[in-house]
Amino acid sequence: MVITITDNAANQIHEMMKEESAEARLRFGIKGGGCSGLSYSLGFEYDINEELDTVDEINGVPVVFFNQDIPIIEGTQIDYKQNMMGGGFSIDNPNAIVSCGCGSSFRTKDKVGTPGDC
C-alpha cells in the first residue's frame, strides 16, 4: 500500500464522493510550487491512464496515483481532523524534510523543487 487513509479521512472522502459520479476516484499526488518547493494535490479523478497511473483501494477509498509521485508520497498518512474552527485533511509525509508554515508545501531530500509563494 502506497499510503494510508485513516477511518476519519475515509469517512469524509466517502461523504464527499456521494456528490460525485460513480466513476470518481480520489487522486493524491504532488505538484511543483509552494514556498517549500512541492505541494500536495488532492481531488477527484474520472480518467485513468493505465501507463501513467496506479489505482489502489485504501480503507475502502479508490485512490489514483501518478506513478512518478509514488516514491515521494510513499508512507504518507491522510487524516481528517475536526475542531471548533471546522475540519480539514492533514497529510503526514515521512519523506518530507522541510514543510512551510502554512503546511501546504514541503521538500524532500531527493526532490527539492523550486520554492515559491505560499
PDB file of N, CA and C in Angstrom:
ATOM      1  N   MET A   1       0.844  -1.174   0.000  1.00  0.00           N
ATOM      2  CA  MET A   1       0.000   0.000   0.000  1.00  0.00           C
ATOM      3  C   MET A   1       0.893   1.242   0.000  1.00  0.00           C
ATOM      4  N   VAL A   2       0.620   2.163  -0.899  1.00  0.00           N
ATOM      5  CA  VAL A   2       1.442   3.362  -1.054  1.00  0.00           C
ATOM      6  C   VAL A   2       1.256   4.316   0.124  1.00  0.00           C
ATOM      7  N   ILE A   3      -0.013   4.573   0.495  1.00  0.00           N
ATOM      8  CA  ILE A   3      -0.318   5.494   1.588  1.00  0.00           C
ATOM      9  C   ILE A   3      -1.340   4.840   2.506  1.00  0.00           C
ATOM     10  N   THR A   4      -1.620   5.494   3.629  1.00  0.00           N
ATOM     11  CA  THR A   4      -2.720   5.065   4.482  1.00  0.00           C
ATOM     12  C   THR A   4      -3.723   6.207   4.587  1.00  0.00           C
ATOM     13  N   ILE A   5      -4.973   5.829   4.727  1.00  0.00           N
ATOM     14  CA  ILE A   5      -6.056   6.781   4.915  1.00  0.00           C
ATOM     15  C   ILE A   5      -6.761   6.368   6.206  1.00  0.00           C
ATOM     16  N   THR A   6      -6.805   7.270   7.181  1.00  0.00           N
ATOM     17  CA  THR A   6      -7.436   6.943   8.454  1.00  0.00           C
ATOM     18  C   THR A   6      -8.939   6.766   8.271  1.00  0.00           C
ATOM     19  N   ASP A   7      -9.562   6.173   9.275  1.00  0.00           N
ATOM     20  CA  ASP A   7     -11.016   5.996   9.230  1.00  0.00           C
ATOM     21  C   ASP A   7     -11.736   7.334   9.115  1.00  0.00           C
ATOM     22  N   ASN A   8     -11.274   8.344   9.865  1.00  0.00           N
ATOM     23  CA  ASN A   8     -11.912   9.670   9.793  1.00  0.00           C
ATOM     24  C   ASN A   8     -11.817  10.247   8.389  1.00  0.00           C
ATOM     25  N   ALA A   9     -10.650  10.134   7.763  1.00  0.00           N
ATOM     26  CA  ALA A   9     -10.473  10.657   6.407  1.00  0.00           C
ATOM     27  C   ALA A   9     -11.311   9.861   5.414  1.00  0.00           C
ATOM     28  N   ALA A  10     -11.331   8.534   5.554  1.00  0.00           N
ATOM     29  CA  ALA A  10     -12.112   7.696   4.638  1.00  0.00           C
ATOM     30  C   ALA A  10     -13.598   8.042   4.732  1.00  0.00           C
ATOM     31  N   ASN A  11     -14.092   8.239   5.942  1.00  0.00           N
ATOM     32  CA  ASN A  11     -15.496   8.608   6.116  1.00  0.00           C
ATOM     33  C   ASN A  11     -15.804   9.945   5.443  1.00  0.00           C
ATOM     34  N   GLN A  12     -14.912  10.924   5.601  1.00  0.00           N
ATOM     35  CA  GLN A  12     -15.120  12.239   4.991  1.00  0.00           C
ATOM     36  C   GLN A  12     -15.061  12.143   3.463  1.00  0.00           C
ATOM     37  N   ILE A  13     -14.122  11.376   2.946  1.00  0.00           N
ATOM     38  CA  ILE A  13     -13.998  11.205   1.493  1.00  0.00           C
ATOM     39  C   ILE A  13     -15.249  10.534   0.935  1.00  0.00           C
ATOM     40  N   HIS A  14     -15.754   9.510   1.627  1.00  0.00           N
ATOM     41  CA  HIS A  14     -16.982   8.836   1.178  1.00  0.00           C
ATOM     42  C   HIS A  14     -18.154   9.808   1.143  1.00  0.00           C
ATOM     43  N   GLU A  15     -18.253  10.680   2.136  1.00  0.00           N
ATOM     44  CA  GLU A  15     -19.323  11.681   2.146  1.00  0.00           C
ATOM     45  C   GLU A  15     -19.196  12.606   0.942  1.00  0.00           C
ATOM     46  N   MET A  16     -17.980  13.027   0.645  1.00  0.00           N
ATOM     47  CA  MET A  16     -17.739  13.921  -0.485  1.00  0.00           C
ATOM     48  C   MET A  16     -18.010  13.211  -1.809  1.00  0.00           C
ATOM     49  N   MET A  17     -17.712  11.926  -1.872  1.00  0.00           N
ATOM     50  CA  MET A  17     -17.892  11.163  -3.108  1.00  0.00           C
ATOM     51  C   MET A  17     -19.366  10.945  -3.441  1.00  0.00           C
ATOM     52  N   LYS A  18     -20.244  11.078  -2.467  1.00  0.00           N
ATOM     53  CA  LYS A  18     -21.670  10.921  -2.719  1.00  0.00           C
ATOM     54  C   LYS A  18     -22.170  11.960  -3.719  1.00  0.00           C
ATOM     55  N   GLU A  19     -21.478  13.081  -3.802  1.00  0.00           N
ATOM     56  CA  GLU A  19     -21.865  14.140  -4.725  1.00  0.00           C
ATOM     57  C   GLU A  19     -21.174  14.015  -6.084  1.00  0.00           C
ATOM     58  N   GLU A  20     -20.329  13.002  -6.242  1.00  0.00           N
ATOM     59  CA  GLU A  20     -19.600  12.768  -7.487  1.00  0.00           C
ATOM     60  C   GLU A  20     -20.230  11.600  -8.241  1.00  0.00           C
ATOM     61  N   SER A  21     -19.797  11.395  -9.477  1.00  0.00           N
ATOM     62  CA  SER A  21     -20.309  10.254 -10.245  1.00  0.00           C
ATOM     63  C   SER A  21     -19.693   8.959  -9.725  1.00  0.00           C
ATOM     64  N   ALA A  22     -20.290   7.848 -10.097  1.00  0.00           N
ATOM     65  CA  ALA A  22     -19.853   6.532  -9.631  1.00  0.00           C
ATOM     66  C   ALA A  22     -18.422   6.209 -10.076  1.00  0.00           C
ATOM     67  N   GLU A  23     -17.936   6.859 -11.143  1.00  0.00           N
ATOM     68  CA  GLU A  23     -16.588   6.598 -11.645  1.00  0.00           C
ATOM     69  C   GLU A  23     -15.510   7.368 -10.891  1.00  0.00           C
ATOM     70  N   ALA A  24     -15.893   8.231  -9.980  1.00  0.00           N
ATOM     71  CA  ALA A  24     -14.931   9.095  -9.281  1.00  0.00           C
ATOM     72  C   ALA A  24     -13.995   8.271  -8.400  1.00  0.00           C
ATOM     73  N   ARG A  25     -12.728   8.663  -8.449  1.00  0.00           N
ATOM     74  CA  ARG A  25     -11.704   8.115  -7.569  1.00  0.00           C
ATOM     75  C   ARG A  25     -10.965   9.300  -6.968  1.00  0.00           C
ATOM     76  N   LEU A  26     -10.364   9.085  -5.831  1.00  0.00           N
ATOM     77  CA  LEU A  26      -9.548  10.123  -5.221  1.00  0.00           C
ATOM     78  C   LEU A  26      -8.181  10.105  -5.885  1.00  0.00           C
ATOM     79  N   ARG A  27      -7.723  11.261  -6.368  1.00  0.00           N
ATOM     80  CA  ARG A  27      -6.357  11.342  -6.887  1.00  0.00           C
ATOM     81  C   ARG A  27      -5.522  12.078  -5.851  1.00  0.00           C
ATOM     82  N   PHE A  28      -4.424  11.433  -5.436  1.00  0.00           N
ATOM     83  CA  PHE A  28      -3.499  12.037  -4.488  1.00  0.00           C
ATOM     84  C   PHE A  28      -2.121  12.050  -5.107  1.00  0.00           C
ATOM     85  N   GLY A  29      -1.453  13.190  -5.047  1.00  0.00           N
ATOM     86  CA  GLY A  29      -0.109  13.294  -5.588  1.00  0.00           C
ATOM     87  C   GLY A  29       0.523  14.608  -5.197  1.00  0.00           C
ATOM     88  N   ILE A  30       1.493  15.000  -5.991  1.00  0.00           N
ATOM     89  CA  ILE A  30       2.229  16.233  -5.734  1.00  0.00           C
ATOM     90  C   ILE A  30       2.290  17.070  -6.998  1.00  0.00           C
ATOM     91  N   LYS A  31       2.586  18.327  -6.809  1.00  0.00           N
ATOM     92  CA  LYS A  31       2.839  19.226  -7.929  1.00  0.00           C
ATOM     93  C   LYS A  31       3.902  20.217  -7.482  1.00  0.00           C
ATOM     94  N   GLY A  32       4.574  20.818  -8.438  1.00  0.00           N
ATOM     95  CA  GLY A  32       5.577  21.817  -8.120  1.00  0.00           C
ATOM     96  C   GLY A  32       4.923  23.083  -7.625  1.00  0.00           C
ATOM     97  N   GLY A  33       5.598  23.773  -6.730  1.00  0.00           N
ATOM     98  CA  GLY A  33       5.095  25.053  -6.243  1.00  0.00           C
ATOM     99  C   GLY A  33       4.988  25.081  -4.736  1.00  0.00           C
ATOM    100  N   GLY A  34       4.651  26.224  -4.229  1.00  0.00           N
ATOM    101  CA  GLY A  34       4.586  26.415  -2.784  1.00  0.00           C
ATOM    102  C   GLY A  34       5.919  26.914  -2.269  1.00  0.00           C
ATOM    103  N   CYS A  35       5.922  27.450  -1.081  1.00  0.00           N
ATOM    104  CA  CYS A  35       7.131  28.083  -0.564  1.00  0.00           C
ATOM    105  C   CYS A  35       8.247  27.091  -0.252  1.00  0.00           C
ATOM    106  N   SER A  36       7.935  25.795  -0.126  1.00  0.00           N
ATOM    107  CA  SER A  36       8.977  24.803   0.126  1.00  0.00           C
ATOM    108  C   SER A  36       9.356  24.005  -1.111  1.00  0.00           C
ATOM    109  N   GLY A  37       8.662  24.192  -2.219  1.00  0.00           N
ATOM    110  CA  GLY A  37       9.055  23.539  -3.466  1.00  0.00           C
ATOM    111  C   GLY A  37       8.048  22.587  -4.054  1.00  0.00           C
ATOM    112  N   LEU A  38       7.353  21.810  -3.235  1.00  0.00           N
ATOM    113  CA  LEU A  38       6.344  20.869  -3.704  1.00  0.00           C
ATOM    114  C   LEU A  38       5.076  21.077  -2.881  1.00  0.00           C
ATOM    115  N   SER A  39       3.928  20.795  -3.477  1.00  0.00           N
ATOM    116  CA  SER A  39       2.686  20.851  -2.719  1.00  0.00           C
ATOM    117  C   SER A  39       1.847  19.630  -3.067  1.00  0.00           C
ATOM    118  N   TYR A  40       0.922  19.305  -2.183  1.00  0.00           N
ATOM    119  CA  TYR A  40       0.074  18.139  -2.376  1.00  0.00           C
ATOM    120  C   TYR A  40      -1.092  18.471  -3.296  1.00  0.00           C
ATOM    121  N   SER A  41      -1.514  17.477  -4.026  1.00  0.00           N
ATOM    122  CA  SER A  41      -2.676  17.591  -4.897  1.00  0.00           C
ATOM    123  C   SER A  41      -3.663  16.520  -4.457  1.00  0.00           C
ATOM    124  N   LEU A  42      -4.888  16.946  -4.149  1.00  0.00           N
ATOM    125  CA  LEU A  42      -5.915  16.042  -3.664  1.00  0.00           C
ATOM    126  C   LEU A  42      -7.231  16.442  -4.313  1.00  0.00           C
ATOM    127  N   GLY A  43      -7.824  15.530  -5.066  1.00  0.00           N
ATOM    128  CA  GLY A  43      -9.077  15.836  -5.752  1.00  0.00           C
ATOM    129  C   GLY A  43      -9.667  14.574  -6.343  1.00  0.00           C
ATOM    130  N   PHE A  44     -10.748  14.731  -7.087  1.00  0.00           N
ATOM    131  CA  PHE A  44     -11.390  13.578  -7.698  1.00  0.00           C
ATOM    132  C   PHE A  44     -10.942  13.410  -9.139  1.00  0.00           C
ATOM    133  N   GLU A  45     -10.822  12.161  -9.549  1.00  0.00           N
ATOM    134  CA  GLU A  45     -10.344  11.796 -10.888  1.00  0.00           C
ATOM    135  C   GLU A  45     -11.357  10.880 -11.545  1.00  0.00           C
ATOM    136  N   TYR A  46     -11.560  11.098 -12.836  1.00  0.00           N
ATOM    137  CA  TYR A  46     -12.502  10.273 -13.595  1.00  0.00           C
ATOM    138  C   TYR A  46     -11.820   9.517 -14.721  1.00  0.00           C
ATOM    139  N   ASP A  47     -10.681  10.002 -15.181  1.00  0.00           N
ATOM    140  CA  ASP A  47      -9.950   9.379 -16.288  1.00  0.00           C
ATOM    141  C   ASP A  47      -8.646   8.793 -15.780  1.00  0.00           C
ATOM    142  N   ILE A  48      -8.451   7.511 -16.025  1.00  0.00           N
ATOM    143  CA  ILE A  48      -7.248   6.815 -15.583  1.00  0.00           C
ATOM    144  C   ILE A  48      -6.406   6.482 -16.804  1.00  0.00           C
ATOM    145  N   ASN A  49      -5.105   6.746 -16.717  1.00  0.00           N
ATOM    146  CA  ASN A  49      -4.167   6.392 -17.763  1.00  0.00           C
ATOM    147  C   ASN A  49      -3.386   5.183 -17.262  1.00  0.00           C
ATOM    148  N   GLU A  50      -3.644   4.025 -17.826  1.00  0.00           N
ATOM    149  CA  GLU A  50      -3.047   2.786 -17.335  1.00  0.00           C
ATOM    150  C   GLU A  50      -1.524   2.777 -17.401  1.00  0.00           C
ATOM    151  N   GLU A  51      -0.939   3.588 -18.270  1.00  0.00           N
ATOM    152  CA  GLU A  51       0.522   3.646 -18.376  1.00  0.00           C
ATOM    153  C   GLU A  51       1.137   4.565 -17.332  1.00  0.00           C
ATOM    154  N   LEU A  52       0.423   5.590 -16.929  1.00  0.00           N
ATOM    155  CA  LEU A  52       0.978   6.604 -16.026  1.00  0.00           C
ATOM    156  C   LEU A  52       0.465   6.512 -14.597  1.00  0.00           C
ATOM    157  N   ASP A  53      -0.633   5.798 -14.389  1.00  0.00           N
ATOM    158  CA  ASP A  53      -1.298   5.787 -13.093  1.00  0.00           C
ATOM    159  C   ASP A  53      -1.276   4.416 -12.433  1.00  0.00           C
ATOM    160  N   THR A  54      -1.330   4.442 -11.098  1.00  0.00           N
ATOM    161  CA  THR A  54      -1.554   3.260 -10.285  1.00  0.00           C
ATOM    162  C   THR A  54      -2.862   3.483  -9.544  1.00  0.00           C
ATOM    163  N   VAL A  55      -3.726   2.477  -9.529  1.00  0.00           N
ATOM    164  CA  VAL A  55      -5.005   2.562  -8.828  1.00  0.00           C
ATOM    165  C   VAL A  55      -4.972   1.551  -7.692  1.00  0.00           C
ATOM    166  N   ASP A  56      -5.418   1.977  -6.511  1.00  0.00           N
ATOM    167  CA  ASP A  56      -5.438   1.110  -5.344  1.00  0.00           C
ATOM    168  C   ASP A  56      -6.694   1.423  -4.551  1.00  0.00           C
ATOM    169  N   GLU A  57      -7.137   0.507  -3.735  1.00  0.00           N
ATOM    170  CA  GLU A  57      -8.232   0.786  -2.814  1.00  0.00           C
ATOM    171  C   GLU A  57      -7.647   0.779  -1.416  1.00  0.00           C
ATOM    172  N   ILE A  58      -7.810   1.899  -0.717  1.00  0.00           N
ATOM    173  CA  ILE A  58      -7.223   2.074   0.607  1.00  0.00           C
ATOM    174  C   ILE A  58      -8.335   2.441   1.572  1.00  0.00           C
ATOM    175  N   ASN A  59      -8.549   1.605   2.551  1.00  0.00           N
ATOM    176  CA  ASN A  59      -9.590   1.817   3.555  1.00  0.00           C
ATOM    177  C   ASN A  59     -10.944   2.094   2.887  1.00  0.00           C
ATOM    178  N   GLY A  60     -11.227   1.352   1.817  1.00  0.00           N
ATOM    179  CA  GLY A  60     -12.491   1.478   1.112  1.00  0.00           C
ATOM    180  C   GLY A  60     -12.577   2.628   0.131  1.00  0.00           C
ATOM    181  N   VAL A  61     -11.486   3.371  -0.033  1.00  0.00           N
ATOM    182  CA  VAL A  61     -11.463   4.529  -0.936  1.00  0.00           C
ATOM    183  C   VAL A  61     -10.661   4.172  -2.184  1.00  0.00           C
ATOM    184  N   PRO A  62     -11.242   4.297  -3.379  1.00  0.00           N
ATOM    185  CA  PRO A  62     -10.463   4.077  -4.599  1.00  0.00           C
ATOM    186  C   PRO A  62      -9.542   5.279  -4.819  1.00  0.00           C
ATOM    187  N   VAL A  63      -8.235   5.013  -4.906  1.00  0.00           N
ATOM    188  CA  VAL A  63      -7.233   6.077  -4.992  1.00  0.00           C
ATOM    189  C   VAL A  63      -6.379   5.891  -6.238  1.00  0.00           C
ATOM    190  N   VAL A  64      -6.071   7.006  -6.903  1.00  0.00           N
ATOM    191  CA  VAL A  64      -5.217   7.017  -8.093  1.00  0.00           C
ATOM    192  C   VAL A  64      -3.958   7.818  -7.773  1.00  0.00           C
ATOM    193  N   PHE A  65      -2.812   7.297  -8.213  1.00  0.00           N
ATOM    194  CA  PHE A  65      -1.526   7.974  -8.058  1.00  0.00           C
ATOM    195  C   PHE A  65      -0.838   8.053  -9.408  1.00  0.00           C
ATOM    196  N   PHE A  66      -0.160   9.161  -9.686  1.00  0.00           N
ATOM    197  CA  PHE A  66       0.767   9.179 -10.803  1.00  0.00           C
ATOM    198  C   PHE A  66       1.949   8.316 -10.373  1.00  0.00           C
ATOM    199  N   ASN A  67       2.375   7.391 -11.219  1.00  0.00           N
ATOM    200  CA  ASN A  67       3.489   6.505 -10.870  1.00  0.00           C
ATOM    201  C   ASN A  67       4.723   7.277 -10.430  1.00  0.00           C
ATOM    202  N   GLN A  68       5.000   8.410 -11.075  1.00  0.00           N
ATOM    203  CA  GLN A  68       6.202   9.182 -10.747  1.00  0.00           C
ATOM    204  C   GLN A  68       6.138   9.802  -9.349  1.00  0.00           C
ATOM    205  N   ASP A  69       4.944   9.955  -8.778  1.00  0.00           N
ATOM    206  CA  ASP A  69       4.796  10.544  -7.442  1.00  0.00           C
ATOM    207  C   ASP A  69       5.002   9.537  -6.317  1.00  0.00           C
ATOM    208  N   ILE A  70       4.863   8.274  -6.605  1.00  0.00           N
ATOM    209  CA  ILE A  70       4.867   7.247  -5.557  1.00  0.00           C
ATOM    210  C   ILE A  70       6.112   7.297  -4.667  1.00  0.00           C
ATOM    211  N   PRO A  71       7.331   7.400  -5.188  1.00  0.00           N
ATOM    212  CA  PRO A  71       8.486   7.433  -4.277  1.00  0.00           C
ATOM    213  C   PRO A  71       8.452   8.621  -3.302  1.00  0.00           C
ATOM    214  N   ILE A  72       7.814   9.711  -3.692  1.00  0.00           N
ATOM    215  CA  ILE A  72       7.785  10.914  -2.855  1.00  0.00           C
ATOM    216  C   ILE A  72       6.677  10.836  -1.805  1.00  0.00           C
ATOM    217  N   ILE A  73       5.568  10.157  -2.108  1.00  0.00           N
ATOM    218  CA  ILE A  73       4.439  10.105  -1.177  1.00  0.00           C
ATOM    219  C   ILE A  73       4.332   8.786  -0.425  1.00  0.00           C
ATOM    220  N   GLU A  74       5.176   7.823  -0.751  1.00  0.00           N
ATOM    221  CA  GLU A  74       5.091   6.511  -0.121  1.00  0.00           C
ATOM    222  C   GLU A  74       5.203   6.632   1.397  1.00  0.00           C
ATOM    223  N   GLY A  75       4.290   5.989   2.102  1.00  0.00           N
ATOM    224  CA  GLY A  75       4.282   6.022   3.562  1.00  0.00           C
ATOM    225  C   GLY A  75       3.464   7.162   4.154  1.00  0.00           C
ATOM    226  N   THR A  76       2.903   8.013   3.305  1.00  0.00           N
ATOM    227  CA  THR A  76       2.128   9.164   3.768  1.00  0.00           C
ATOM    228  C   THR A  76       0.807   8.712   4.386  1.00  0.00           C
ATOM    229  N   GLN A  77       0.387   9.422   5.424  1.00  0.00           N
ATOM    230  CA  GLN A  77      -0.915   9.177   6.044  1.00  0.00           C
ATOM    231  C   GLN A  77      -1.805  10.401   5.836  1.00  0.00           C
ATOM    232  N   ILE A  78      -3.021  10.148   5.344  1.00  0.00           N
ATOM    233  CA  ILE A  78      -4.023  11.205   5.211  1.00  0.00           C
ATOM    234  C   ILE A  78      -5.041  11.024   6.324  1.00  0.00           C
ATOM    235  N   ASP A  79      -5.269  12.088   7.071  1.00  0.00           N
ATOM    236  CA  ASP A  79      -6.230  12.069   8.174  1.00  0.00           C
ATOM    237  C   ASP A  79      -7.199  13.222   7.986  1.00  0.00           C
ATOM    238  N   TYR A  80      -8.306  13.171   8.672  1.00  0.00           N
ATOM    239  CA  TYR A  80      -9.267  14.271   8.691  1.00  0.00           C
ATOM    240  C   TYR A  80      -9.505  14.624  10.141  1.00  0.00           C
ATOM    241  N   LYS A  81      -9.303  15.902  10.462  1.00  0.00           N
ATOM    242  CA  LYS A  81      -9.450  16.353  11.841  1.00  0.00           C
ATOM    243  C   LYS A  81     -10.536  17.414  11.916  1.00  0.00           C
ATOM    244  N   GLN A  82     -11.374  17.269  12.909  1.00  0.00           N
ATOM    245  CA  GLN A  82     -12.464  18.208  13.154  1.00  0.00           C
ATOM    246  C   GLN A  82     -12.185  18.933  14.465  1.00  0.00           C
ATOM    247  N   ASN A  83     -12.352  20.262  14.460  1.00  0.00           N
ATOM    248  CA  ASN A  83     -12.228  21.029  15.691  1.00  0.00           C
ATOM    249  C   ASN A  83     -13.272  22.136  15.699  1.00  0.00           C
ATOM    250  N   MET A  84     -13.211  23.011  16.666  1.00  0.00           N
ATOM    251  CA  MET A  84     -14.224  24.062  16.791  1.00  0.00           C
ATOM    252  C   MET A  84     -14.211  25.039  15.618  1.00  0.00           C
ATOM    253  N   MET A  85     -13.098  25.124  14.908  1.00  0.00           N
ATOM    254  CA  MET A  85     -12.967  26.029  13.772  1.00  0.00           C
ATOM    255  C   MET A  85     -13.380  25.373  12.461  1.00  0.00           C
ATOM    256  N   GLY A  86     -13.736  24.112  12.513  1.00  0.00           N
ATOM    257  CA  GLY A  86     -14.101  23.388  11.297  1.00  0.00           C
ATOM    258  C   GLY A  86     -13.259  22.132  11.168  1.00  0.00           C
ATOM    259  N   GLY A  87     -13.183  21.632   9.972  1.00  0.00           N
ATOM    260  CA  GLY A  87     -12.425  20.418   9.748  1.00  0.00           C
ATOM    261  C   GLY A  87     -11.568  20.527   8.509  1.00  0.00           C
ATOM    262  N   GLY A  88     -10.624  19.614   8.403  1.00  0.00           N
ATOM    263  CA  GLY A  88      -9.770  19.597   7.233  1.00  0.00           C
ATOM    264  C   GLY A  88      -8.887  18.370   7.209  1.00  0.00           C
ATOM    265  N   PHE A  89      -8.370  18.092   6.025  1.00  0.00           N
ATOM    266  CA  PHE A  89      -7.459  16.968   5.865  1.00  0.00           C
ATOM    267  C   PHE A  89      -6.068  17.377   6.327  1.00  0.00           C
ATOM    268  N   SER A  90      -5.373  16.434   6.953  1.00  0.00           N
ATOM    269  CA  SER A  90      -3.973  16.644   7.306  1.00  0.00           C
ATOM    270  C   SER A  90      -3.167  15.539   6.639  1.00  0.00           C
ATOM    271  N   ILE A  91      -1.985  15.892   6.195  1.00  0.00           N
ATOM    272  CA  ILE A  91      -1.127  14.963   5.473  1.00  0.00           C
ATOM    273  C   ILE A  91       0.197  14.859   6.208  1.00  0.00           C
ATOM    274  N   ASP A  92       0.565  13.645   6.579  1.00  0.00           N
ATOM    275  CA  ASP A  92       1.823  13.382   7.273  1.00  0.00           C
ATOM    276  C   ASP A  92       2.691  12.528   6.356  1.00  0.00           C
ATOM    277  N   ASN A  93       3.698  13.169   5.759  1.00  0.00           N
ATOM    278  CA  ASN A  93       4.575  12.508   4.796  1.00  0.00           C
ATOM    279  C   ASN A  93       5.946  12.296   5.441  1.00  0.00           C
ATOM    280  N   PRO A  94       6.353  11.039   5.690  1.00  0.00           N
ATOM    281  CA  PRO A  94       7.646  10.789   6.310  1.00  0.00           C
ATOM    282  C   PRO A  94       8.831  11.149   5.407  1.00  0.00           C
ATOM    283  N   ASN A  95       8.579  11.381   4.127  1.00  0.00           N
ATOM    284  CA  ASN A  95       9.646  11.749   3.196  1.00  0.00           C
ATOM    285  C   ASN A  95       9.919  13.244   3.168  1.00  0.00           C
ATOM    286  N   ALA A  96       9.047  14.034   3.779  1.00  0.00           N
ATOM    287  CA  ALA A  96       9.221  15.487   3.794  1.00  0.00           C
ATOM    288  C   ALA A  96      10.252  15.851   4.855  1.00  0.00           C
ATOM    289  N   ILE A  97      11.279  16.604   4.444  1.00  0.00           N
ATOM    290  CA  ILE A  97      12.286  17.035   5.408  1.00  0.00           C
ATOM    291  C   ILE A  97      12.075  18.481   5.835  1.00  0.00           C
ATOM    292  N   VAL A  98      11.333  19.238   5.026  1.00  0.00           N
ATOM    293  CA  VAL A  98      11.009  20.635   5.333  1.00  0.00           C
ATOM    294  C   VAL A  98       9.567  20.873   4.927  1.00  0.00           C
ATOM    295  N   SER A  99       8.798  21.524   5.791  1.00  0.00           N
ATOM    296  CA  SER A  99       7.438  21.936   5.460  1.00  0.00           C
ATOM    297  C   SER A  99       7.324  23.425   5.730  1.00  0.00           C
ATOM    298  N   CYS A 100       6.470  24.091   4.967  1.00  0.00           N
ATOM    299  CA  CYS A 100       6.285  25.522   5.181  1.00  0.00           C
ATOM    300  C   CYS A 100       5.361  25.753   6.372  1.00  0.00           C
ATOM    301  N   GLY A 101       5.307  26.968   6.831  1.00  0.00           N
ATOM    302  CA  GLY A 101       4.485  27.322   7.975  1.00  0.00           C
ATOM    303  C   GLY A 101       3.003  27.096   7.743  1.00  0.00           C
ATOM    304  N   CYS A 102       2.543  27.265   6.504  1.00  0.00           N
ATOM    305  CA  CYS A 102       1.111  27.078   6.231  1.00  0.00           C
ATOM    306  C   CYS A 102       0.762  25.605   6.081  1.00  0.00           C
ATOM    307  N   GLY A 103       1.767  24.709   5.995  1.00  0.00           N
ATOM    308  CA  GLY A 103       1.524  23.281   5.958  1.00  0.00           C
ATOM    309  C   GLY A 103       1.116  22.712   4.616  1.00  0.00           C
ATOM    310  N   SER A 104       1.077  23.549   3.578  1.00  0.00           N
ATOM    311  CA  SER A 104       0.605  23.039   2.294  1.00  0.00           C
ATOM    312  C   SER A 104       1.730  22.697   1.329  1.00  0.00           C
ATOM    313  N   SER A 105       2.957  23.007   1.654  1.00  0.00           N
ATOM    314  CA  SER A 105       4.047  22.627   0.764  1.00  0.00           C
ATOM    315  C   SER A 105       5.185  22.006   1.566  1.00  0.00           C
ATOM    316  N   PHE A 106       6.051  21.291   0.851  1.00  0.00           N
ATOM    317  CA  PHE A 106       7.116  20.542   1.513  1.00  0.00           C
ATOM    318  C   PHE A 106       8.279  20.340   0.561  1.00  0.00           C
ATOM    319  N   ARG A 107       9.362  19.808   1.087  1.00  0.00           N
ATOM    320  CA  ARG A 107      10.534  19.467   0.295  1.00  0.00           C
ATOM    321  C   ARG A 107      11.072  18.150   0.803  1.00  0.00           C
ATOM    322  N   THR A 108      11.590  17.327  -0.114  1.00  0.00           N
ATOM    323  CA  THR A 108      12.224  16.068   0.269  1.00  0.00           C
ATOM    324  C   THR A 108      13.705  16.152  -0.026  1.00  0.00           C
ATOM    325  N   LYS A 109      14.452  15.207   0.530  1.00  0.00           N
ATOM    326  CA  LYS A 109      15.893  15.171   0.311  1.00  0.00           C
ATOM    327  C   LYS A 109      16.222  15.007  -1.170  1.00  0.00           C
ATOM    328  N   ASP A 110      15.474  14.167  -1.873  1.00  0.00           N
ATOM    329  CA  ASP A 110      15.768  13.856  -3.268  1.00  0.00           C
ATOM    330  C   ASP A 110      15.039  14.735  -4.279  1.00  0.00           C
ATOM    331  N   LYS A 111      13.907  15.342  -3.900  1.00  0.00           N
ATOM    332  CA  LYS A 111      13.090  16.149  -4.818  1.00  0.00           C
ATOM    333  C   LYS A 111      12.917  17.538  -4.231  1.00  0.00           C
ATOM    334  N   VAL A 112      13.902  18.374  -4.394  1.00  0.00           N
ATOM    335  CA  VAL A 112      13.874  19.671  -3.748  1.00  0.00           C
ATOM    336  C   VAL A 112      12.795  20.580  -4.318  1.00  0.00           C
ATOM    337  N   GLY A 113      12.624  20.639  -5.624  1.00  0.00           N
ATOM    338  CA  GLY A 113      11.622  21.536  -6.215  1.00  0.00           C
ATOM    339  C   GLY A 113      12.118  22.969  -6.211  1.00  0.00           C
ATOM    340  N   THR A 114      11.293  23.856  -6.694  1.00  0.00           N
ATOM    341  CA  THR A 114      11.622  25.282  -6.736  1.00  0.00           C
ATOM    342  C   THR A 114      10.700  26.026  -5.800  1.00  0.00           C
ATOM    343  N   PRO A 115      11.210  26.519  -4.668  1.00  0.00           N
ATOM    344  CA  PRO A 115      10.349  27.238  -3.741  1.00  0.00           C
ATOM    345  C   PRO A 115       9.696  28.441  -4.387  1.00  0.00           C
ATOM    346  N   GLY A 116       8.455  28.702  -3.982  1.00  0.00           N
ATOM    347  CA  GLY A 116       7.693  29.853  -4.472  1.00  0.00           C
ATOM    348  C   GLY A 116       6.931  30.493  -3.336  1.00  0.00           C
ATOM    349  N   ASP A 117       5.779  31.056  -3.615  1.00  0.00           N
ATOM    350  CA  ASP A 117       4.977  31.708  -2.605  1.00  0.00           C
ATOM    351  C   ASP A 117       3.960  30.742  -2.010  1.00  0.00           C
ATOM    352  N   CYS A 118       3.646  30.931  -0.732  1.00  0.00           N
ATOM    353  CA  CYS A 118       2.576  30.151  -0.070  1.00  0.00           C
ATOM    354  C   CYS A 118       1.239  30.714  -0.451  1.00  0.00           C
TER     355      CYS A 118
END
